């Protein structure tokens, strides 16, 4: 019975967050709570909500227009080579130069290890890797 009530509440929260155009953390928290409730009951919902909130805050994909713009940019003749893995949510080394996306200053891009990478220009945090 508790699972049904908890899942219903989590679904209502998810719907409210979606209707309010909430940011990634709220959407992630709602999704995590739902999954946690199904798998682990009330305790799972609490843990899932926290984990989903953290993941939602880290992985907030850029708008489709930004991805399309970056995909259409020609690859340079030489790509920057970085030894560390390129991971969404982690920053690129500060010495990697990024190019701002003209119509959306929240994003920039670069080509690292022959892959287009969308980043936050201030922090160099990887937002998306385009394969």
N, C-alpha and C. Protein backbone atom coordinates (compact mmCIF):
# COMPACT_ATOMS: atom_id res chain seq x y z
N UNK A 1 0.82 -1.19 0.00
CA UNK A 1 0.00 0.00 0.00
C UNK A 1 0.87 1.26 0.00
N UNK A 2 1.94 1.23 0.84
CA UNK A 2 2.82 2.39 0.91
C UNK A 2 3.50 2.66 -0.42
N UNK A 3 3.86 1.58 -1.13
CA UNK A 3 4.52 1.76 -2.43
C UNK A 3 3.60 2.47 -3.40
N UNK A 4 2.31 2.11 -3.41
CA UNK A 4 1.35 2.71 -4.32
C UNK A 4 1.21 4.20 -4.03
N UNK A 5 1.08 4.54 -2.75
CA UNK A 5 0.95 5.95 -2.37
C UNK A 5 2.22 6.71 -2.70
N UNK A 6 3.37 6.12 -2.40
CA UNK A 6 4.64 6.79 -2.66
C UNK A 6 4.88 6.96 -4.14
N UNK A 7 4.61 5.95 -4.92
CA UNK A 7 4.78 6.05 -6.37
C UNK A 7 3.82 7.08 -6.93
N UNK A 8 2.58 7.10 -6.46
CA UNK A 8 1.62 8.10 -6.93
C UNK A 8 2.10 9.51 -6.61
N UNK A 9 2.61 9.71 -5.41
CA UNK A 9 3.15 11.02 -5.04
C UNK A 9 4.34 11.40 -5.88
N UNK A 10 5.22 10.44 -6.14
CA UNK A 10 6.39 10.72 -6.96
C UNK A 10 5.99 11.04 -8.39
N UNK A 11 4.99 10.33 -8.90
CA UNK A 11 4.51 10.62 -10.25
C UNK A 11 3.90 12.02 -10.33
N UNK A 12 3.17 12.40 -9.29
CA UNK A 12 2.59 13.75 -9.26
C UNK A 12 3.69 14.80 -9.22
N UNK A 13 4.74 14.55 -8.43
CA UNK A 13 5.88 15.46 -8.37
C UNK A 13 6.56 15.55 -9.72
N UNK A 14 6.73 14.42 -10.38
CA UNK A 14 7.36 14.40 -11.70
C UNK A 14 6.53 15.20 -12.70
N UNK A 15 5.22 15.03 -12.67
CA UNK A 15 4.34 15.76 -13.57
C UNK A 15 4.40 17.25 -13.30
N UNK A 16 4.39 17.63 -12.03
CA UNK A 16 4.47 19.03 -11.66
C UNK A 16 5.80 19.63 -12.12
N UNK A 17 6.87 18.90 -11.91
CA UNK A 17 8.20 19.40 -12.32
C UNK A 17 8.28 19.56 -13.82
N UNK A 18 7.70 18.63 -14.56
CA UNK A 18 7.73 18.72 -16.02
C UNK A 18 6.88 19.89 -16.50
N UNK A 19 5.70 20.05 -15.92
CA UNK A 19 4.82 21.15 -16.33
C UNK A 19 5.41 22.50 -16.00
N UNK A 20 6.19 22.59 -14.95
CA UNK A 20 6.79 23.85 -14.56
C UNK A 20 8.10 24.11 -15.28
N UNK A 21 8.47 23.24 -16.20
CA UNK A 21 9.73 23.35 -16.93
C UNK A 21 10.89 23.44 -15.95
N UNK A 22 10.90 22.54 -14.98
CA UNK A 22 11.92 22.55 -13.95
C UNK A 22 13.28 22.20 -14.52
N UNK A 23 14.32 22.55 -13.76
CA UNK A 23 15.67 22.27 -14.23
C UNK A 23 16.00 20.80 -14.05
N UNK A 24 17.18 20.40 -14.47
CA UNK A 24 17.59 19.00 -14.46
C UNK A 24 17.60 18.39 -13.08
N UNK A 25 17.95 19.16 -12.04
CA UNK A 25 18.03 18.59 -10.71
C UNK A 25 16.66 18.15 -10.20
N UNK A 26 15.62 18.97 -10.43
CA UNK A 26 14.28 18.61 -9.97
C UNK A 26 13.76 17.42 -10.76
N UNK A 27 13.95 17.44 -12.07
CA UNK A 27 13.50 16.33 -12.90
C UNK A 27 14.24 15.06 -12.51
N UNK A 28 15.53 15.16 -12.29
CA UNK A 28 16.32 14.00 -11.87
C UNK A 28 15.87 13.48 -10.53
N UNK A 29 15.56 14.38 -9.60
CA UNK A 29 15.11 13.96 -8.27
C UNK A 29 13.80 13.20 -8.36
N UNK A 30 12.87 13.71 -9.17
CA UNK A 30 11.57 13.04 -9.31
C UNK A 30 11.74 11.67 -9.94
N UNK A 31 12.54 11.59 -11.00
CA UNK A 31 12.77 10.30 -11.66
C UNK A 31 13.47 9.32 -10.74
N UNK A 32 14.45 9.82 -9.97
CA UNK A 32 15.15 8.96 -9.02
C UNK A 32 14.24 8.46 -7.93
N UNK A 33 13.34 9.32 -7.46
CA UNK A 33 12.40 8.92 -6.41
C UNK A 33 11.45 7.84 -6.90
N UNK A 34 10.98 7.98 -8.13
CA UNK A 34 10.07 6.98 -8.69
C UNK A 34 10.78 5.64 -8.80
N UNK A 35 11.97 5.65 -9.40
CA UNK A 35 12.71 4.40 -9.56
C UNK A 35 13.03 3.80 -8.20
N UNK A 36 13.49 4.63 -7.26
CA UNK A 36 13.82 4.14 -5.93
C UNK A 36 12.62 3.54 -5.22
N UNK A 37 11.44 4.15 -5.38
CA UNK A 37 10.23 3.64 -4.73
C UNK A 37 9.85 2.29 -5.27
N UNK A 38 9.99 2.12 -6.58
CA UNK A 38 9.63 0.84 -7.19
C UNK A 38 10.58 -0.25 -6.73
N UNK A 39 11.86 0.07 -6.68
CA UNK A 39 12.86 -0.94 -6.33
C UNK A 39 12.96 -1.16 -4.83
N UNK A 40 12.98 -0.07 -4.05
CA UNK A 40 13.28 -0.23 -2.64
C UNK A 40 12.27 0.32 -1.67
N UNK A 41 11.10 0.68 -2.12
CA UNK A 41 10.09 1.21 -1.20
C UNK A 41 10.43 2.61 -0.73
N UNK A 42 9.92 3.01 0.45
CA UNK A 42 10.12 4.38 0.94
C UNK A 42 11.59 4.78 1.08
N UNK A 43 12.41 3.87 1.60
CA UNK A 43 13.83 4.19 1.74
C UNK A 43 14.46 4.34 0.36
N UNK A 44 14.10 3.47 -0.56
CA UNK A 44 14.61 3.57 -1.93
C UNK A 44 14.19 4.86 -2.60
N UNK A 45 12.99 5.34 -2.31
CA UNK A 45 12.52 6.60 -2.89
C UNK A 45 13.36 7.77 -2.40
N UNK A 46 13.68 7.76 -1.12
CA UNK A 46 14.49 8.85 -0.57
C UNK A 46 15.89 8.84 -1.18
N UNK A 47 16.51 7.68 -1.22
CA UNK A 47 17.86 7.57 -1.79
C UNK A 47 17.83 7.87 -3.28
N UNK A 48 16.84 7.33 -3.98
CA UNK A 48 16.72 7.57 -5.42
C UNK A 48 16.50 9.03 -5.75
N UNK A 49 15.73 9.73 -4.92
CA UNK A 49 15.49 11.15 -5.14
C UNK A 49 16.75 11.97 -5.02
N UNK A 50 17.56 11.67 -4.02
CA UNK A 50 18.83 12.39 -3.84
C UNK A 50 19.77 12.08 -5.00
N UNK A 51 19.92 10.79 -5.33
CA UNK A 51 20.83 10.41 -6.42
C UNK A 51 20.36 11.00 -7.74
N UNK A 52 19.07 10.97 -8.00
CA UNK A 52 18.54 11.53 -9.23
C UNK A 52 18.72 13.03 -9.31
N UNK A 53 18.61 13.71 -8.17
CA UNK A 53 18.83 15.15 -8.15
C UNK A 53 20.26 15.50 -8.49
N UNK A 54 21.20 14.74 -7.96
CA UNK A 54 22.62 14.97 -8.27
C UNK A 54 22.87 14.68 -9.73
N UNK A 55 22.40 13.55 -10.23
CA UNK A 55 22.62 13.21 -11.64
C UNK A 55 21.93 14.21 -12.56
N UNK A 56 20.75 14.65 -12.22
CA UNK A 56 20.03 15.61 -13.05
C UNK A 56 20.75 16.94 -13.11
N UNK A 57 21.40 17.33 -12.01
CA UNK A 57 22.14 18.58 -12.01
C UNK A 57 23.40 18.48 -12.85
N UNK A 58 23.98 17.29 -12.93
CA UNK A 58 25.21 17.11 -13.68
C UNK A 58 24.94 16.98 -15.16
N UNK A 59 23.93 16.22 -15.53
CA UNK A 59 23.69 15.92 -16.93
C UNK A 59 22.43 16.65 -17.39
N UNK A 60 22.61 17.84 -17.87
CA UNK A 60 21.51 18.63 -18.41
C UNK A 60 21.86 18.91 -19.86
N UNK A 61 21.33 18.12 -20.80
CA UNK A 61 21.77 18.23 -22.19
C UNK A 61 21.47 19.60 -22.80
N UNK A 62 22.31 20.01 -23.74
CA UNK A 62 22.09 21.30 -24.40
C UNK A 62 20.89 21.24 -25.34
N UNK A 63 20.35 22.39 -25.74
CA UNK A 63 19.24 22.40 -26.69
C UNK A 63 19.67 21.79 -28.03
N UNK A 64 18.71 21.26 -28.74
CA UNK A 64 18.97 20.60 -30.02
C UNK A 64 19.68 21.55 -31.01
N UNK A 65 19.34 22.84 -30.97
CA UNK A 65 19.96 23.80 -31.90
C UNK A 65 21.46 23.88 -31.67
N UNK A 66 21.89 23.80 -30.41
CA UNK A 66 23.31 23.85 -30.09
C UNK A 66 24.00 22.59 -30.62
N UNK A 67 23.39 21.43 -30.38
CA UNK A 67 23.98 20.17 -30.85
C UNK A 67 24.09 20.19 -32.38
N UNK A 68 23.04 20.64 -33.06
CA UNK A 68 23.05 20.70 -34.52
C UNK A 68 24.16 21.62 -35.01
N UNK A 69 24.29 22.78 -34.39
CA UNK A 69 25.33 23.73 -34.79
C UNK A 69 26.72 23.10 -34.65
N UNK A 70 26.97 22.47 -33.51
CA UNK A 70 28.29 21.87 -33.27
C UNK A 70 28.55 20.72 -34.23
N UNK A 71 27.53 19.91 -34.50
CA UNK A 71 27.69 18.80 -35.44
C UNK A 71 28.06 19.29 -36.84
N UNK A 72 27.58 20.46 -37.23
CA UNK A 72 27.81 20.98 -38.57
C UNK A 72 29.16 21.67 -38.73
N UNK A 73 29.86 21.90 -37.63
CA UNK A 73 31.14 22.57 -37.73
C UNK A 73 32.20 21.60 -38.24
N UNK A 74 33.02 22.03 -39.18
CA UNK A 74 34.05 21.12 -39.71
C UNK A 74 35.09 20.80 -38.64
N UNK A 75 35.56 19.59 -38.68
CA UNK A 75 36.62 19.20 -37.74
C UNK A 75 37.92 19.85 -38.18
N UNK A 76 38.70 20.34 -37.25
CA UNK A 76 39.98 20.95 -37.64
C UNK A 76 40.94 19.88 -38.17
N UNK A 77 41.96 20.35 -38.84
CA UNK A 77 42.92 19.40 -39.40
C UNK A 77 43.65 18.63 -38.32
N UNK A 78 43.81 19.24 -37.15
CA UNK A 78 44.42 18.52 -36.03
C UNK A 78 43.55 18.67 -34.80
N UNK A 79 43.26 17.55 -34.20
CA UNK A 79 42.42 17.53 -33.00
C UNK A 79 43.31 17.61 -31.77
N UNK A 80 42.80 18.26 -30.72
CA UNK A 80 43.51 18.28 -29.45
C UNK A 80 43.46 16.87 -28.88
N UNK A 81 44.58 16.41 -28.36
CA UNK A 81 44.63 15.08 -27.75
C UNK A 81 44.75 15.26 -26.25
N UNK A 82 43.82 14.64 -25.54
CA UNK A 82 43.81 14.68 -24.08
C UNK A 82 43.91 13.25 -23.58
N UNK A 83 44.82 13.01 -22.65
CA UNK A 83 45.04 11.65 -22.14
C UNK A 83 43.93 11.18 -21.21
N UNK A 84 43.35 12.10 -20.44
CA UNK A 84 42.29 11.72 -19.51
C UNK A 84 41.01 11.41 -20.29
N UNK A 85 40.15 10.56 -19.74
CA UNK A 85 38.88 10.28 -20.42
C UNK A 85 38.00 11.53 -20.46
N UNK A 86 37.26 11.69 -21.54
CA UNK A 86 36.33 12.81 -21.68
C UNK A 86 34.99 12.33 -21.13
N UNK A 87 34.59 12.90 -20.00
CA UNK A 87 33.41 12.43 -19.28
C UNK A 87 32.44 13.60 -19.08
N UNK A 88 31.17 13.35 -19.38
CA UNK A 88 30.14 14.37 -19.15
C UNK A 88 30.12 14.71 -17.66
N UNK A 89 30.13 16.02 -17.38
CA UNK A 89 30.12 16.49 -16.00
C UNK A 89 31.50 16.83 -15.47
N UNK A 90 32.55 16.35 -16.13
CA UNK A 90 33.92 16.64 -15.70
C UNK A 90 34.51 17.72 -16.59
N UNK A 91 35.36 18.58 -16.06
CA UNK A 91 35.95 19.64 -16.88
C UNK A 91 37.09 19.13 -17.76
N UNK A 92 37.24 19.78 -18.89
CA UNK A 92 38.40 19.57 -19.74
C UNK A 92 39.57 20.34 -19.13
N UNK A 93 40.80 19.97 -19.47
CA UNK A 93 41.93 20.77 -18.98
C UNK A 93 41.79 22.23 -19.41
N UNK A 94 42.23 23.13 -18.56
CA UNK A 94 42.08 24.57 -18.80
C UNK A 94 42.77 25.03 -20.07
N UNK A 95 43.84 24.34 -20.49
CA UNK A 95 44.57 24.76 -21.68
C UNK A 95 43.85 24.43 -23.00
N UNK A 96 42.77 23.64 -22.93
CA UNK A 96 42.01 23.32 -24.14
C UNK A 96 41.19 24.55 -24.52
N UNK A 97 41.40 25.03 -25.73
CA UNK A 97 40.66 26.20 -26.20
C UNK A 97 39.27 25.79 -26.67
N UNK A 98 38.28 26.59 -26.29
CA UNK A 98 36.90 26.32 -26.70
C UNK A 98 36.39 27.48 -27.54
N UNK A 99 35.44 27.17 -28.42
CA UNK A 99 34.85 28.16 -29.34
C UNK A 99 33.41 28.40 -28.90
N UNK A 100 33.02 29.66 -28.65
CA UNK A 100 31.64 29.92 -28.22
C UNK A 100 30.63 29.58 -29.32
N UNK A 101 29.47 29.11 -28.91
CA UNK A 101 28.36 28.90 -29.84
C UNK A 101 27.70 30.27 -30.02
N UNK A 102 27.68 30.81 -31.26
CA UNK A 102 27.24 32.18 -31.48
C UNK A 102 25.85 32.53 -30.95
N UNK A 103 24.88 31.67 -31.13
CA UNK A 103 23.51 32.00 -30.75
C UNK A 103 23.15 31.60 -29.32
N UNK A 104 24.09 30.98 -28.60
CA UNK A 104 23.80 30.54 -27.24
C UNK A 104 25.08 30.62 -26.40
N UNK A 105 25.31 31.74 -25.72
CA UNK A 105 26.55 31.93 -24.97
C UNK A 105 26.72 31.01 -23.77
N UNK A 106 25.69 30.24 -23.44
CA UNK A 106 25.83 29.27 -22.33
C UNK A 106 26.69 28.08 -22.72
N UNK A 107 26.97 27.93 -24.04
CA UNK A 107 27.70 26.76 -24.51
C UNK A 107 28.86 27.16 -25.41
N UNK A 108 29.86 26.29 -25.40
CA UNK A 108 31.00 26.41 -26.32
C UNK A 108 31.32 24.99 -26.76
N UNK A 109 32.22 24.87 -27.72
CA UNK A 109 32.59 23.54 -28.19
C UNK A 109 34.06 23.50 -28.54
N UNK A 110 34.55 22.29 -28.67
CA UNK A 110 35.91 22.04 -29.12
C UNK A 110 35.94 20.64 -29.71
N UNK A 111 37.06 20.30 -30.31
CA UNK A 111 37.24 18.94 -30.82
C UNK A 111 38.40 18.33 -30.04
N UNK A 112 38.10 17.27 -29.30
CA UNK A 112 39.09 16.60 -28.47
C UNK A 112 39.10 15.12 -28.84
N UNK A 113 40.28 14.59 -29.09
CA UNK A 113 40.43 13.18 -29.45
C UNK A 113 39.50 12.81 -30.62
N UNK A 114 39.42 13.73 -31.60
CA UNK A 114 38.61 13.57 -32.82
C UNK A 114 37.11 13.49 -32.56
N UNK A 115 36.64 14.03 -31.45
CA UNK A 115 35.21 14.07 -31.15
C UNK A 115 34.81 15.49 -30.79
N UNK A 116 33.66 15.93 -31.32
CA UNK A 116 33.13 17.24 -30.94
C UNK A 116 32.62 17.15 -29.51
N UNK A 117 32.97 18.14 -28.70
CA UNK A 117 32.59 18.16 -27.30
C UNK A 117 31.95 19.51 -26.99
N UNK A 118 30.76 19.48 -26.40
CA UNK A 118 30.06 20.70 -25.99
C UNK A 118 30.38 20.91 -24.52
N UNK A 119 30.77 22.15 -24.17
CA UNK A 119 31.18 22.46 -22.81
C UNK A 119 30.53 23.75 -22.32
N UNK A 120 30.59 23.96 -21.01
CA UNK A 120 30.25 25.26 -20.43
C UNK A 120 31.50 26.12 -20.57
N UNK A 121 31.42 27.28 -21.19
CA UNK A 121 32.63 28.05 -21.48
C UNK A 121 33.41 28.51 -20.24
N UNK A 122 32.73 28.84 -19.15
CA UNK A 122 33.43 29.35 -17.97
C UNK A 122 34.20 28.26 -17.23
N UNK A 123 33.60 27.08 -17.13
CA UNK A 123 34.19 26.00 -16.32
C UNK A 123 34.86 24.92 -17.15
N UNK A 124 34.63 24.91 -18.46
CA UNK A 124 35.11 23.84 -19.36
C UNK A 124 34.49 22.48 -19.00
N UNK A 125 33.40 22.50 -18.23
CA UNK A 125 32.72 21.26 -17.86
C UNK A 125 32.04 20.68 -19.09
N UNK A 126 32.27 19.38 -19.35
CA UNK A 126 31.70 18.70 -20.51
C UNK A 126 30.20 18.53 -20.30
N UNK A 127 29.44 18.98 -21.31
CA UNK A 127 27.99 18.87 -21.27
C UNK A 127 27.54 17.70 -22.13
N UNK A 128 28.20 17.52 -23.29
CA UNK A 128 27.84 16.43 -24.19
C UNK A 128 29.02 16.12 -25.10
N UNK A 129 29.21 14.83 -25.37
CA UNK A 129 30.21 14.37 -26.33
C UNK A 129 29.46 13.85 -27.53
N UNK A 130 29.78 14.38 -28.71
CA UNK A 130 29.10 13.95 -29.93
C UNK A 130 29.98 12.92 -30.61
N UNK A 131 29.44 11.72 -30.77
CA UNK A 131 30.21 10.62 -31.38
C UNK A 131 30.13 10.68 -32.87
